[in-house]
């Protein structure tokens, strides 16, 4: 049975790793180091301090917040 295509924020992960040269786990660590903060503040950290584009930053933050909420 073929695998279902990755959807949602995780669909950006291969591009993020290729573009910025770091694994997603490292980006998630950066997000978590800036807790507690609201979604857009966390996006701003990735954009302003690490030069990440808005879509990529938003995908990492959304995925990380959901993962931590569901844990």
C-alpha atoms as a PDB file:
ATOM      1  CA  UNK A   1       0.000   0.000   0.000  1.00  0.00           C
ATOM      2  CA  UNK A   2       1.548   3.363  -1.005  1.00  0.00           C
ATOM      3  CA  UNK A   3       2.323   5.919   1.678  1.00  0.00           C
ATOM      4  CA  UNK A   4      -0.004   8.905   1.915  1.00  0.00           C
ATOM      5  CA  UNK A   5       1.638  12.176   0.938  1.00  0.00           C
ATOM      6  CA  UNK A   6       2.734  14.368   3.827  1.00  0.00           C
ATOM      7  CA  UNK A   7       0.362  17.280   4.322  1.00  0.00           C
ATOM      8  CA  UNK A   8       0.203  20.332   6.523  1.00  0.00           C
ATOM      9  CA  UNK A   9       3.226  21.978   8.147  1.00  0.00           C
ATOM     10  CA  UNK A  10       5.378  18.834   7.922  1.00  0.00           C
ATOM     11  CA  UNK A  11       5.224  19.033   4.121  1.00  0.00           C
ATOM     12  CA  UNK A  12       7.654  21.971   4.371  1.00  0.00           C
ATOM     13  CA  UNK A  13      10.264  20.052   6.388  1.00  0.00           C
ATOM     14  CA  UNK A  14      12.433  18.669   3.541  1.00  0.00           C
ATOM     15  CA  UNK A  15      12.672  22.142   2.012  1.00  0.00           C
ATOM     16  CA  UNK A  16      13.437  23.758   5.387  1.00  0.00           C
ATOM     17  CA  UNK A  17      16.244  21.303   6.114  1.00  0.00           C
ATOM     18  CA  UNK A  18      17.721  21.763   2.638  1.00  0.00           C
ATOM     19  CA  UNK A  19      17.422  25.548   2.628  1.00  0.00           C
ATOM     20  CA  UNK A  20      18.691  26.270   6.143  1.00  0.00           C
ATOM     21  CA  UNK A  21      21.005  23.292   6.698  1.00  0.00           C
ATOM     22  CA  UNK A  22      19.673  22.230  10.080  1.00  0.00           C
ATOM     23  CA  UNK A  23      17.399  19.360  11.071  1.00  0.00           C
ATOM     24  CA  UNK A  24      13.841  20.136  12.123  1.00  0.00           C
ATOM     25  CA  UNK A  25      14.600  18.990  15.684  1.00  0.00           C
ATOM     26  CA  UNK A  26      17.082  21.885  16.050  1.00  0.00           C
ATOM     27  CA  UNK A  27      14.495  24.390  14.853  1.00  0.00           C
ATOM     28  CA  UNK A  28      11.975  22.940  17.277  1.00  0.00           C
ATOM     29  CA  UNK A  29      14.512  23.336  20.094  1.00  0.00           C
ATOM     30  CA  UNK A  30      14.862  27.022  19.217  1.00  0.00           C
ATOM     31  CA  UNK A  31      11.086  27.438  19.308  1.00  0.00           C
ATOM     32  CA  UNK A  32      10.863  25.686  22.682  1.00  0.00           C
ATOM     33  CA  UNK A  33      13.681  27.802  24.129  1.00  0.00           C
ATOM     34  CA  UNK A  34      11.465  30.832  23.516  1.00  0.00           C
ATOM     35  CA  UNK A  35       8.433  29.498  25.415  1.00  0.00           C
ATOM     36  CA  UNK A  36       6.192  30.856  26.715  1.00  0.00           C
ATOM     37  CA  UNK A  37       5.327  33.056  23.778  1.00  0.00           C
ATOM     38  CA  UNK A  38       2.498  33.426  21.310  1.00  0.00           C
ATOM     39  CA  UNK A  39       2.600  31.881  17.871  1.00  0.00           C
ATOM     40  CA  UNK A  40       3.544  35.030  15.959  1.00  0.00           C
ATOM     41  CA  UNK A  41       6.283  35.950  18.454  1.00  0.00           C
ATOM     42  CA  UNK A  42       7.838  32.527  17.878  1.00  0.00           C
ATOM     43  CA  UNK A  43       7.567  33.001  14.111  1.00  0.00           C
ATOM     44  CA  UNK A  44       9.283  36.388  14.482  1.00  0.00           C
ATOM     45  CA  UNK A  45      12.182  34.789  16.373  1.00  0.00           C
ATOM     46  CA  UNK A  46      12.851  32.370  13.521  1.00  0.00           C
ATOM     47  CA  UNK A  47      12.506  35.110  10.920  1.00  0.00           C
ATOM     48  CA  UNK A  48      14.433  37.897  12.631  1.00  0.00           C
ATOM     49  CA  UNK A  49      17.144  35.947  14.437  1.00  0.00           C
ATOM     50  CA  UNK A  50      17.685  33.118  11.951  1.00  0.00           C
ATOM     51  CA  UNK A  51      16.697  34.573   8.562  1.00  0.00           C
ATOM     52  CA  UNK A  52      13.924  32.087   7.940  1.00  0.00           C
ATOM     53  CA  UNK A  53      11.087  32.880   5.555  1.00  0.00           C
ATOM     54  CA  UNK A  54       7.601  33.408   6.962  1.00  0.00           C
ATOM     55  CA  UNK A  55       6.047  30.221   5.561  1.00  0.00           C
ATOM     56  CA  UNK A  56       8.843  28.013   6.828  1.00  0.00           C
ATOM     57  CA  UNK A  57       8.892  29.663  10.257  1.00  0.00           C
ATOM     58  CA  UNK A  58       5.126  29.414  10.538  1.00  0.00           C
ATOM     59  CA  UNK A  59       5.199  25.715   9.621  1.00  0.00           C
ATOM     60  CA  UNK A  60       7.776  24.870  12.292  1.00  0.00           C
ATOM     61  CA  UNK A  61       5.985  26.869  14.983  1.00  0.00           C
ATOM     62  CA  UNK A  62       2.556  25.425  14.141  1.00  0.00           C
ATOM     63  CA  UNK A  63       3.870  21.862  14.097  1.00  0.00           C
ATOM     64  CA  UNK A  64       5.844  22.297  17.336  1.00  0.00           C
ATOM     65  CA  UNK A  65       2.991  23.935  19.238  1.00  0.00           C
ATOM     66  CA  UNK A  66       0.571  21.203  18.147  1.00  0.00           C
ATOM     67  CA  UNK A  67       3.045  18.473  19.017  1.00  0.00           C
ATOM     68  CA  UNK A  68       3.603  19.920  22.499  1.00  0.00           C
ATOM     69  CA  UNK A  69      -0.110  20.495  23.066  1.00  0.00           C
ATOM     70  CA  UNK A  70      -0.909  16.876  22.168  1.00  0.00           C
ATOM     71  CA  UNK A  71       1.906  15.467  24.328  1.00  0.00           C
END
